[in-house]
Amino acid sequence: MKFEAGRILTAGLCLALGLSPLYSQTAAAPKPPAATKPPAPKASPATASPSSAAGKAAAAADKPLMAEDVFTNVKVLRGIPVNQFMETMGFFSASLGYNCTNCHGNAVAGNWERYADDIPVKNTSRRMVTMVNAINKAQFGGAQVITCYTCHRGGPTPKSIPSLLEQYSEASPEDPNDVERSSRASSAPSADDMLNRYLNAIGGEQKLATLTSFAGTGHYEGFDSYHGGVKFDIYAKASGEHSVNIHTQNGDQVTTYDAHNAWIMGPDKPVSVLQLVPGGDMDGVKLESALAFPAKLKQALTRMRTGFPTTTIDDKAVDVLEATAGASRVKLFFDKESGLLIRMVRFSKTVVGSVPVQVDYADYREVAGVKIPFQWNLTWTDGQSMFSLEDVKPNVAIDAAKFAKPVAPAKPAVAPAKITK
């Protein structure tokens, strides 16, 4: 399927860069033959090749890396952090159903340098970004009302003629993520009611106060594991620290948060260790940290709003709470029957539009008197990741090094194999 192919190839460079909403971007990919070493993750659309300035820029740990610090021949998307640049690539892929080679040509497969080539499709995308920005500035006061997705809707060519099939066919199921507040919908239950019911459902505030840390192990499946099961470790403390380490075939994919700063590290990428900047991914890491110890969830959310029409997820009626976490808009979906949180969606802003990042929670089990989800699935514009915990040890001492800036492994003497179709 063309749209899925776009997801596959876009995710590849995101993984290669170690850029991740929460933990990792994943998408469907063929599993490598058992007798061969898995190839390096594929590359992503609309990026350029790593520049010689990348090493110098990476040395300045406190200075956020901008797109032009890492890639060459960046013209329109300059002055934005590397992780937002990659989220923008995901937005293009989701909007047009495109993959790396659609934008950059077949020559980029396994060849970083060729991403800097100017080809007609890339130049068209630059003009389109400029055009959309001009429309929003002239007609909507600069607000992102019009985006690539407005016209393309997952196809490379916007349609100009109405579809009678779409007009007279049965409507597709409503996406619960799209539900918006309505003046005709009741504002009950209130935000406090939803959160209090959730806290009671997972054990109550007294029990939550006794859980100060946990360390867990389990299985992970995603693009970077070639959809085979690999091990992952998770460490968390009620004081805010949070760390996830996925042991992929190509090396460890690590996200760490020391309650102040967050970093992402992954194999085969031009930026060895990326420090996240405020907004987007950083908001997601902070929110996941708060959700690990929900007693502090109220402090992590601002501008909480209710009053949404009734909607369902997997045939379960849900209450919807919209809020702001950091600079990001989020929606929390609570099971009306159990009160448990079954989905969180946050909207990460990019220069071309907002990228939805969805986490679905399931299989709640009791750990030291507190129910925590033993399964969560992460979905965004480039695919899905699946995490399943197998063992969780509560209230354990955790070395502070688990939450520190990751140390990149030494580069192998032999370059990764080139990717061929």
Protein backbone atom coordinates (compact mmCIF):
# COMPACT_ATOMS: atom_id res chain seq x y z
CA MET A 1 0.00 0.00 0.00
CA LYS A 2 1.50 3.32 -1.08
CA PHE A 3 0.57 5.25 2.05
CA GLU A 4 2.08 2.59 4.30
CA ALA A 5 5.23 2.63 2.19
CA GLY A 6 5.52 6.32 2.92
CA ARG A 7 5.31 5.54 6.60
CA ILE A 8 7.97 2.86 6.36
CA LEU A 9 10.61 4.98 4.74
CA THR A 10 9.86 8.13 6.68
CA ALA A 11 10.24 6.25 9.94
CA GLY A 12 13.61 4.92 8.91
CA LEU A 13 15.56 8.15 9.08
CA CYS A 14 13.62 9.25 12.16
CA LEU A 15 14.93 6.12 13.82
CA ALA A 16 18.36 6.66 12.38
CA LEU A 17 18.37 10.12 13.94
CA GLY A 18 17.06 8.79 17.22
CA LEU A 19 14.04 11.11 17.00
CA SER A 20 11.03 9.87 18.84
CA PRO A 21 7.68 10.90 20.19
CA LEU A 22 8.09 9.45 23.66
CA TYR A 23 10.23 6.44 22.79
CA SER A 24 10.51 5.63 19.09
CA GLN A 25 8.92 6.10 15.72
CA THR A 26 8.00 2.82 14.11
CA ALA A 27 6.31 1.50 11.02
CA ALA A 28 5.89 -1.74 9.14
CA ALA A 29 9.07 -3.08 7.57
CA PRO A 30 10.15 -6.42 6.18
CA LYS A 31 12.00 -8.60 8.65
CA PRO A 32 15.54 -9.33 7.46
CA PRO A 33 16.54 -12.89 6.53
CA ALA A 34 17.65 -14.92 9.53
CA ALA A 35 21.05 -15.61 8.05
CA THR A 36 22.00 -11.99 7.52
CA LYS A 37 22.66 -9.06 9.79
CA PRO A 38 19.73 -6.60 9.75
CA PRO A 39 20.44 -3.63 7.51
CA ALA A 40 20.62 -0.13 8.88
CA PRO A 41 17.23 1.64 9.16
CA LYS A 42 16.09 3.32 5.99
CA ALA A 43 16.19 7.02 5.38
CA SER A 44 13.43 9.63 5.43
CA PRO A 45 11.85 12.08 3.00
CA ALA A 46 12.74 15.74 2.54
CA THR A 47 16.02 15.75 4.47
CA ALA A 48 19.45 16.60 3.22
CA SER A 49 22.75 14.88 3.89
CA PRO A 50 24.62 15.36 7.20
CA SER A 51 26.91 18.36 7.01
CA SER A 52 30.48 18.58 8.28
CA ALA A 53 29.22 21.01 10.94
CA ALA A 54 27.29 18.23 12.68
CA GLY A 55 30.23 17.09 14.82
CA LYS A 56 31.05 20.59 16.03
CA ALA A 57 27.40 21.36 16.72
CA ALA A 58 26.93 18.11 18.66
CA ALA A 59 29.85 19.04 20.91
CA ALA A 60 27.93 22.04 22.22
CA ALA A 61 25.61 19.95 24.40
CA ASP A 62 23.57 22.87 25.69
CA LYS A 63 22.99 24.42 22.27
CA PRO A 64 19.92 23.00 20.50
CA LEU A 65 20.80 21.51 17.13
CA MET A 66 18.97 23.21 14.26
CA ALA A 67 18.16 21.52 10.96
CA GLU A 68 20.87 23.42 9.10
CA ASP A 69 23.47 22.35 11.71
CA VAL A 70 23.00 18.70 10.76
CA PHE A 71 21.82 18.66 7.14
CA THR A 72 23.03 20.47 4.05
CA ASN A 73 20.98 22.34 1.44
CA VAL A 74 18.14 23.17 3.86
CA LYS A 75 16.40 26.26 2.48
CA VAL A 76 12.80 26.64 3.69
CA LEU A 77 12.89 24.70 6.97
CA ARG A 78 15.84 26.49 8.54
CA GLY A 79 15.96 27.63 12.16
CA ILE A 80 13.92 24.75 13.63
CA PRO A 81 15.22 22.01 15.98
CA VAL A 82 16.28 18.72 14.43
CA ASN A 83 13.49 16.72 16.10
CA GLN A 84 10.84 19.17 14.83
CA PHE A 85 12.43 18.97 11.37
CA MET A 86 11.95 15.19 11.42
CA GLU A 87 8.39 15.51 12.69
CA THR A 88 7.82 17.79 9.71
CA MET A 89 9.03 14.97 7.45
CA GLY A 90 6.45 12.71 9.08
CA PHE A 91 3.77 15.33 8.43
CA PHE A 92 4.69 15.44 4.72
CA SER A 93 4.61 11.65 4.51
CA ALA A 94 1.21 11.40 6.19
CA SER A 95 -0.23 14.22 4.07
CA LEU A 96 0.95 12.98 0.67
CA GLY A 97 1.42 9.23 1.17
CA TYR A 98 5.01 9.74 0.04
CA ASN A 99 8.22 7.97 1.03
CA CYS A 100 11.90 8.93 0.79
CA THR A 101 12.37 8.04 -2.85
CA ASN A 102 9.16 9.81 -3.90
CA CYS A 103 10.69 13.10 -2.82
CA HIS A 104 14.41 12.48 -3.26
CA GLY A 105 14.70 9.80 -5.94
CA ASN A 106 16.00 6.24 -5.86
CA ALA A 107 19.60 7.42 -5.56
CA VAL A 108 19.14 8.17 -1.84
CA ALA A 109 18.74 4.50 -0.87
CA GLY A 110 21.69 3.88 1.45
CA ASN A 111 23.38 7.12 0.37
CA TRP A 112 23.07 10.02 2.82
CA GLU A 113 24.85 12.49 0.54
CA ARG A 114 22.19 12.32 -2.18
CA TYR A 115 19.51 13.76 0.12
CA ALA A 116 21.08 17.17 -0.57
CA ASP A 117 20.32 16.91 -4.31
CA ASP A 118 17.87 19.43 -5.72
CA ILE A 119 15.24 17.59 -7.74
CA PRO A 120 11.87 18.83 -9.06
CA VAL A 121 9.67 17.24 -6.38
CA LYS A 122 11.75 18.68 -3.53
CA ASN A 123 11.66 22.13 -5.11
CA THR A 124 7.89 21.82 -5.55
CA SER A 125 7.52 21.03 -1.85
CA ARG A 126 9.50 24.16 -0.99
CA ARG A 127 7.12 26.26 -3.11
CA MET A 128 4.11 24.59 -1.51
CA VAL A 129 5.33 25.35 2.03
CA THR A 130 5.88 28.98 1.03
CA MET A 131 2.43 29.15 -0.60
CA VAL A 132 0.62 27.65 2.40
CA ASN A 133 2.42 30.01 4.78
CA ALA A 134 1.41 32.97 2.62
CA ILE A 135 -2.26 31.89 2.58
CA ASN A 136 -2.34 31.45 6.35
CA LYS A 137 -0.66 34.81 6.89
CA ALA A 138 -2.95 36.70 4.48
CA GLN A 139 -6.24 35.00 5.29
CA PHE A 140 -5.98 33.65 8.85
CA GLY A 141 -3.66 36.00 10.70
CA GLY A 142 -0.80 33.50 10.59
CA ALA A 143 -2.72 30.65 12.28
CA GLN A 144 -2.11 27.16 10.84
CA VAL A 145 -5.59 26.75 9.37
CA ILE A 146 -4.43 25.46 5.98
CA THR A 147 -1.83 22.67 5.84
CA CYS A 148 -0.57 20.10 3.33
CA TYR A 149 -3.17 17.66 4.63
CA THR A 150 -6.05 20.09 3.97
CA CYS A 151 -5.83 19.42 0.23
CA HIS A 152 -3.83 16.22 -0.16
CA ARG A 153 -5.57 13.98 2.39
CA GLY A 154 -3.02 11.19 1.99
CA GLY A 155 -2.62 11.48 -1.79
CA PRO A 156 0.07 13.15 -3.90
CA THR A 157 -2.42 15.08 -6.06
CA PRO A 158 -5.23 17.18 -4.54
CA LYS A 159 -8.66 16.37 -6.00
CA SER A 160 -10.60 19.15 -7.71
CA ILE A 161 -13.75 17.21 -8.67
CA PRO A 162 -16.29 15.98 -6.05
CA SER A 163 -16.48 12.21 -5.57
CA LEU A 164 -20.01 10.84 -5.88
CA LEU A 165 -18.85 7.61 -4.22
CA GLU A 166 -17.75 9.50 -1.13
CA GLN A 167 -20.90 11.62 -1.15
CA TYR A 168 -23.35 8.73 -1.25
CA SER A 169 -21.42 5.98 0.54
CA GLU A 170 -21.89 5.22 4.21
CA ALA A 171 -19.86 7.51 6.42
CA SER A 172 -16.68 6.04 7.82
CA PRO A 173 -16.52 5.53 11.60
CA GLU A 174 -15.83 8.68 13.58
CA ASP A 175 -12.25 9.06 14.76
CA PRO A 176 -12.49 9.67 18.51
CA ASN A 177 -9.30 11.75 18.32
CA ASP A 178 -11.19 14.28 16.18
CA VAL A 179 -14.03 14.88 18.64
CA GLU A 180 -14.23 18.53 19.66
CA ARG A 181 -16.02 20.39 22.44
CA SER A 182 -19.64 21.32 21.83
CA SER A 183 -21.85 23.91 23.48
CA ARG A 184 -24.64 21.33 23.38
CA ALA A 185 -22.62 18.69 25.24
CA SER A 186 -22.73 18.50 29.03
CA SER A 187 -19.60 19.65 30.87
CA ALA A 188 -20.19 16.91 33.44
CA PRO A 189 -18.18 15.12 34.64
CA SER A 190 -15.73 17.90 35.37
CA ALA A 191 -11.98 17.60 34.83
CA ASP A 192 -11.45 17.08 38.57
CA ASP A 193 -14.15 14.40 38.61
CA MET A 194 -12.45 12.49 35.77
CA LEU A 195 -8.98 12.69 37.29
CA ASN A 196 -10.19 11.79 40.80
CA ARG A 197 -12.09 8.79 39.45
CA TYR A 198 -8.99 7.70 37.54
CA LEU A 199 -6.77 8.00 40.62
CA ASN A 200 -9.28 5.98 42.64
CA ALA A 201 -9.50 3.34 39.90
CA ILE A 202 -5.74 2.71 39.96
CA GLY A 203 -5.51 2.47 43.74
CA GLY A 204 -6.22 5.81 45.39
CA GLU A 205 -3.92 8.63 46.45
CA GLN A 206 -2.69 6.87 49.60
CA LYS A 207 -1.49 3.82 47.66
CA LEU A 208 -0.05 6.02 44.92
CA ALA A 209 2.03 7.87 47.50
CA THR A 210 3.71 4.61 48.52
CA LEU A 211 4.99 3.90 44.99
CA THR A 212 8.21 5.87 44.68
CA SER A 213 9.97 4.05 41.83
CA PHE A 214 9.83 1.01 39.61
CA ALA A 215 12.03 -0.92 37.21
CA GLY A 216 10.53 -3.12 34.51
CA THR A 217 11.48 -5.38 31.62
CA GLY A 218 9.45 -6.60 28.70
CA HIS A 219 9.10 -7.09 24.96
CA TYR A 220 9.00 -4.44 22.25
CA GLU A 221 8.00 -4.67 18.59
CA GLY A 222 8.38 -1.98 15.97
CA PHE A 223 10.10 -0.82 12.82
CA ASP A 224 13.50 -0.71 14.45
CA SER A 225 13.13 -4.33 15.62
CA TYR A 226 11.94 -5.43 12.16
CA HIS A 227 8.65 -6.30 13.84
CA GLY A 228 10.31 -9.05 15.80
CA GLY A 229 10.16 -9.07 19.58
CA VAL A 230 13.16 -7.58 21.37
CA LYS A 231 13.79 -6.77 25.03
CA PHE A 232 13.31 -3.35 26.57
CA ASP A 233 13.94 -1.91 30.04
CA ILE A 234 12.07 0.92 31.75
CA TYR A 235 13.07 2.85 34.87
CA ALA A 236 11.00 5.54 36.58
CA LYS A 237 10.94 7.56 39.79
CA ALA A 238 8.13 9.57 41.33
CA SER A 239 10.48 12.57 41.41
CA GLY A 240 10.14 12.73 37.62
CA GLU A 241 13.04 10.73 36.19
CA HIS A 242 12.18 8.34 33.37
CA SER A 243 14.21 6.09 31.06
CA VAL A 244 13.47 3.52 28.35
CA ASN A 245 16.11 1.37 26.62
CA ILE A 246 15.08 -0.77 23.63
CA HIS A 247 17.63 -3.42 22.68
CA THR A 248 17.26 -3.58 18.89
CA GLN A 249 19.25 -5.76 16.52
CA ASN A 250 21.29 -2.72 15.43
CA GLY A 251 21.98 -1.41 18.93
CA ASP A 252 20.21 0.26 21.83
CA GLN A 253 17.53 2.90 21.28
CA VAL A 254 17.51 5.02 24.46
CA THR A 255 15.32 7.84 25.78
CA THR A 256 16.30 9.36 29.13
CA TYR A 257 14.82 12.18 31.22
CA ASP A 258 16.49 13.41 34.41
CA ALA A 259 13.44 15.50 35.43
CA HIS A 260 15.02 18.56 33.76
CA ASN A 261 16.59 17.53 30.45
CA ALA A 262 15.85 14.74 27.98
CA TRP A 263 17.99 12.95 25.41
CA ILE A 264 17.50 10.38 22.67
CA MET A 265 20.14 8.02 21.36
CA GLY A 266 19.92 5.39 18.66
CA PRO A 267 22.13 3.45 16.24
CA ASP A 268 23.28 4.46 12.78
CA LYS A 269 22.52 8.17 12.81
CA PRO A 270 24.39 11.40 12.11
CA VAL A 271 23.53 12.86 15.53
CA SER A 272 24.92 10.44 18.12
CA VAL A 273 22.92 11.80 21.06
CA LEU A 274 20.17 14.38 20.60
CA GLN A 275 19.05 16.63 23.44
CA LEU A 276 15.37 17.51 23.17
CA VAL A 277 14.28 21.13 23.18
CA PRO A 278 11.09 22.52 24.82
CA GLY A 279 7.82 21.65 23.09
CA GLY A 280 6.79 18.63 21.03
CA ASP A 281 8.82 15.58 22.00
CA MET A 282 9.99 17.15 25.26
CA ASP A 283 6.38 17.75 26.31
CA GLY A 284 5.66 14.11 25.49
CA VAL A 285 8.53 12.82 27.62
CA LYS A 286 7.42 14.95 30.56
CA LEU A 287 3.81 13.81 30.23
CA GLU A 288 4.79 10.14 30.09
CA SER A 289 6.82 10.69 33.23
CA ALA A 290 3.77 12.20 34.97
CA LEU A 291 1.53 9.36 33.80
CA ALA A 292 3.92 6.82 35.32
CA PHE A 293 3.05 8.30 38.75
CA PRO A 294 -0.41 9.85 38.19
CA ALA A 295 -0.68 11.43 41.64
CA LYS A 296 1.12 14.43 40.09
CA LEU A 297 -0.91 14.43 36.87
CA LYS A 298 -3.02 17.43 37.90
CA GLN A 299 0.14 19.49 38.30
CA ALA A 300 1.33 18.45 34.82
CA LEU A 301 -1.83 19.67 33.09
CA THR A 302 -3.16 23.21 32.63
CA ARG A 303 -6.22 24.71 30.93
CA MET A 304 -8.27 21.54 31.48
CA ARG A 305 -11.57 21.46 29.56
CA THR A 306 -14.50 19.06 29.29
CA GLY A 307 -17.83 19.20 27.42
CA PHE A 308 -17.22 16.74 24.56
CA PRO A 309 -19.95 14.75 22.75
CA THR A 310 -20.13 11.06 23.55
CA THR A 311 -17.59 8.99 21.63
CA THR A 312 -16.20 5.46 21.81
CA ILE A 313 -12.88 3.63 21.54
CA ASP A 314 -13.09 -0.08 20.71
CA ASP A 315 -16.81 0.04 21.49
CA LYS A 316 -16.13 1.47 24.96
CA ALA A 317 -17.80 4.75 25.87
CA VAL A 318 -15.20 7.27 27.01
CA ASP A 319 -15.04 10.60 28.84
CA VAL A 320 -12.73 13.10 27.13
CA LEU A 321 -10.52 15.61 28.92
CA GLU A 322 -8.61 18.18 26.89
CA ALA A 323 -5.70 20.04 28.45
CA THR A 324 -2.32 21.61 27.80
CA ALA A 325 0.92 19.86 28.79
CA GLY A 326 3.85 22.24 28.44
CA ALA A 327 3.15 23.87 25.09
CA SER A 328 1.25 20.91 23.60
CA ARG A 329 -2.48 20.25 23.38
CA VAL A 330 -3.44 16.84 24.73
CA LYS A 331 -6.58 14.72 25.00
CA LEU A 332 -7.08 12.06 27.66
CA PHE A 333 -9.74 9.37 27.15
CA PHE A 334 -11.11 7.63 30.26
CA ASP A 335 -13.25 4.49 30.17
CA LYS A 336 -16.69 5.54 31.45
CA GLU A 337 -17.21 2.18 33.14
CA SER A 338 -13.85 1.61 34.85
CA GLY A 339 -12.48 5.17 35.05
CA LEU A 340 -9.12 3.94 33.67
CA LEU A 341 -7.11 5.94 31.14
CA ILE A 342 -7.23 4.04 27.85
CA ARG A 343 -5.78 6.62 25.44
CA MET A 344 -3.67 9.75 25.44
CA VAL A 345 -3.23 11.88 22.32
CA ARG A 346 -0.93 14.87 22.12
CA PHE A 347 -0.52 17.21 19.19
CA SER A 348 3.07 18.15 18.43
CA LYS A 349 3.42 21.44 16.58
CA THR A 350 5.64 21.71 13.52
CA VAL A 351 6.14 24.59 11.10
CA VAL A 352 3.69 22.97 8.65
CA GLY A 353 1.02 21.62 11.01
CA SER A 354 0.35 19.52 14.10
CA VAL A 355 1.43 15.88 14.27
CA PRO A 356 -0.81 13.63 16.41
CA VAL A 357 0.94 11.18 18.73
CA GLN A 358 -1.35 8.53 20.27
CA VAL A 359 -0.67 6.12 23.14
CA ASP A 360 -3.24 3.41 23.96
CA TYR A 361 -3.04 1.77 27.40
CA ALA A 362 -4.28 -1.73 28.31
CA ASP A 363 -3.76 -4.73 30.58
CA TYR A 364 -3.72 -2.86 33.90
CA ARG A 365 -2.15 -4.94 36.69
CA GLU A 366 -1.53 -4.25 40.36
CA VAL A 367 2.02 -3.39 41.43
CA ALA A 368 2.50 -2.55 45.12
CA GLY A 369 -1.22 -1.79 45.35
CA VAL A 370 -1.24 0.47 42.27
CA LYS A 371 -2.64 -0.52 38.90
CA ILE A 372 -0.33 0.29 36.00
CA PRO A 373 -0.72 -0.59 32.30
CA PHE A 374 1.44 -3.54 31.30
CA GLN A 375 0.79 -2.82 27.63
CA TRP A 376 0.89 0.39 25.64
CA ASN A 377 0.90 0.99 21.91
CA LEU A 378 2.31 4.16 20.40
CA THR A 379 0.93 5.37 17.06
CA TRP A 380 1.90 8.43 15.05
CA THR A 381 2.21 9.49 11.42
CA ASP A 382 4.97 6.98 10.68
CA GLY A 383 3.60 3.82 12.24
CA GLN A 384 3.28 1.98 15.53
CA SER A 385 5.34 0.70 18.47
CA MET A 386 4.14 -1.97 20.89
CA PHE A 387 5.42 -2.31 24.46
CA SER A 388 4.49 -5.24 26.74
CA LEU A 389 5.83 -5.42 30.28
CA GLU A 390 6.63 -8.83 31.74
CA ASP A 391 8.16 -8.02 35.11
CA VAL A 392 7.97 -4.89 37.29
CA LYS A 393 9.85 -4.38 40.57
CA PRO A 394 8.40 -1.56 42.72
CA ASN A 395 10.24 0.78 45.10
CA VAL A 396 13.74 -0.21 44.06
CA ALA A 397 16.89 1.88 44.19
CA ILE A 398 17.79 3.09 40.69
CA ASP A 399 21.23 4.34 39.74
CA ALA A 400 21.10 8.01 38.68
CA ALA A 401 23.17 7.05 35.63
CA LYS A 402 20.03 5.43 34.16
CA PHE A 403 18.58 8.93 33.69
CA ALA A 404 21.74 10.75 32.63
CA LYS A 405 22.71 11.74 29.11
CA PRO A 406 23.31 8.50 27.18
CA VAL A 407 26.82 7.66 26.07
CA ALA A 408 26.95 6.78 22.39
CA PRO A 409 28.74 3.52 21.55
CA ALA A 410 31.86 3.66 19.41
CA LYS A 411 31.18 3.69 15.70
CA PRO A 412 31.89 0.33 13.98
CA ALA A 413 34.94 0.18 11.73
CA VAL A 414 32.80 -1.19 8.88
CA ALA A 415 30.13 1.09 7.45
CA PRO A 416 26.52 -0.24 7.52
CA ALA A 417 25.39 -2.05 4.39
CA LYS A 418 23.63 0.03 1.79
CA ILE A 419 19.91 -0.43 1.45
CA THR A 420 18.61 -1.79 -1.82
CA LYS A 421 15.08 -2.24 -2.97
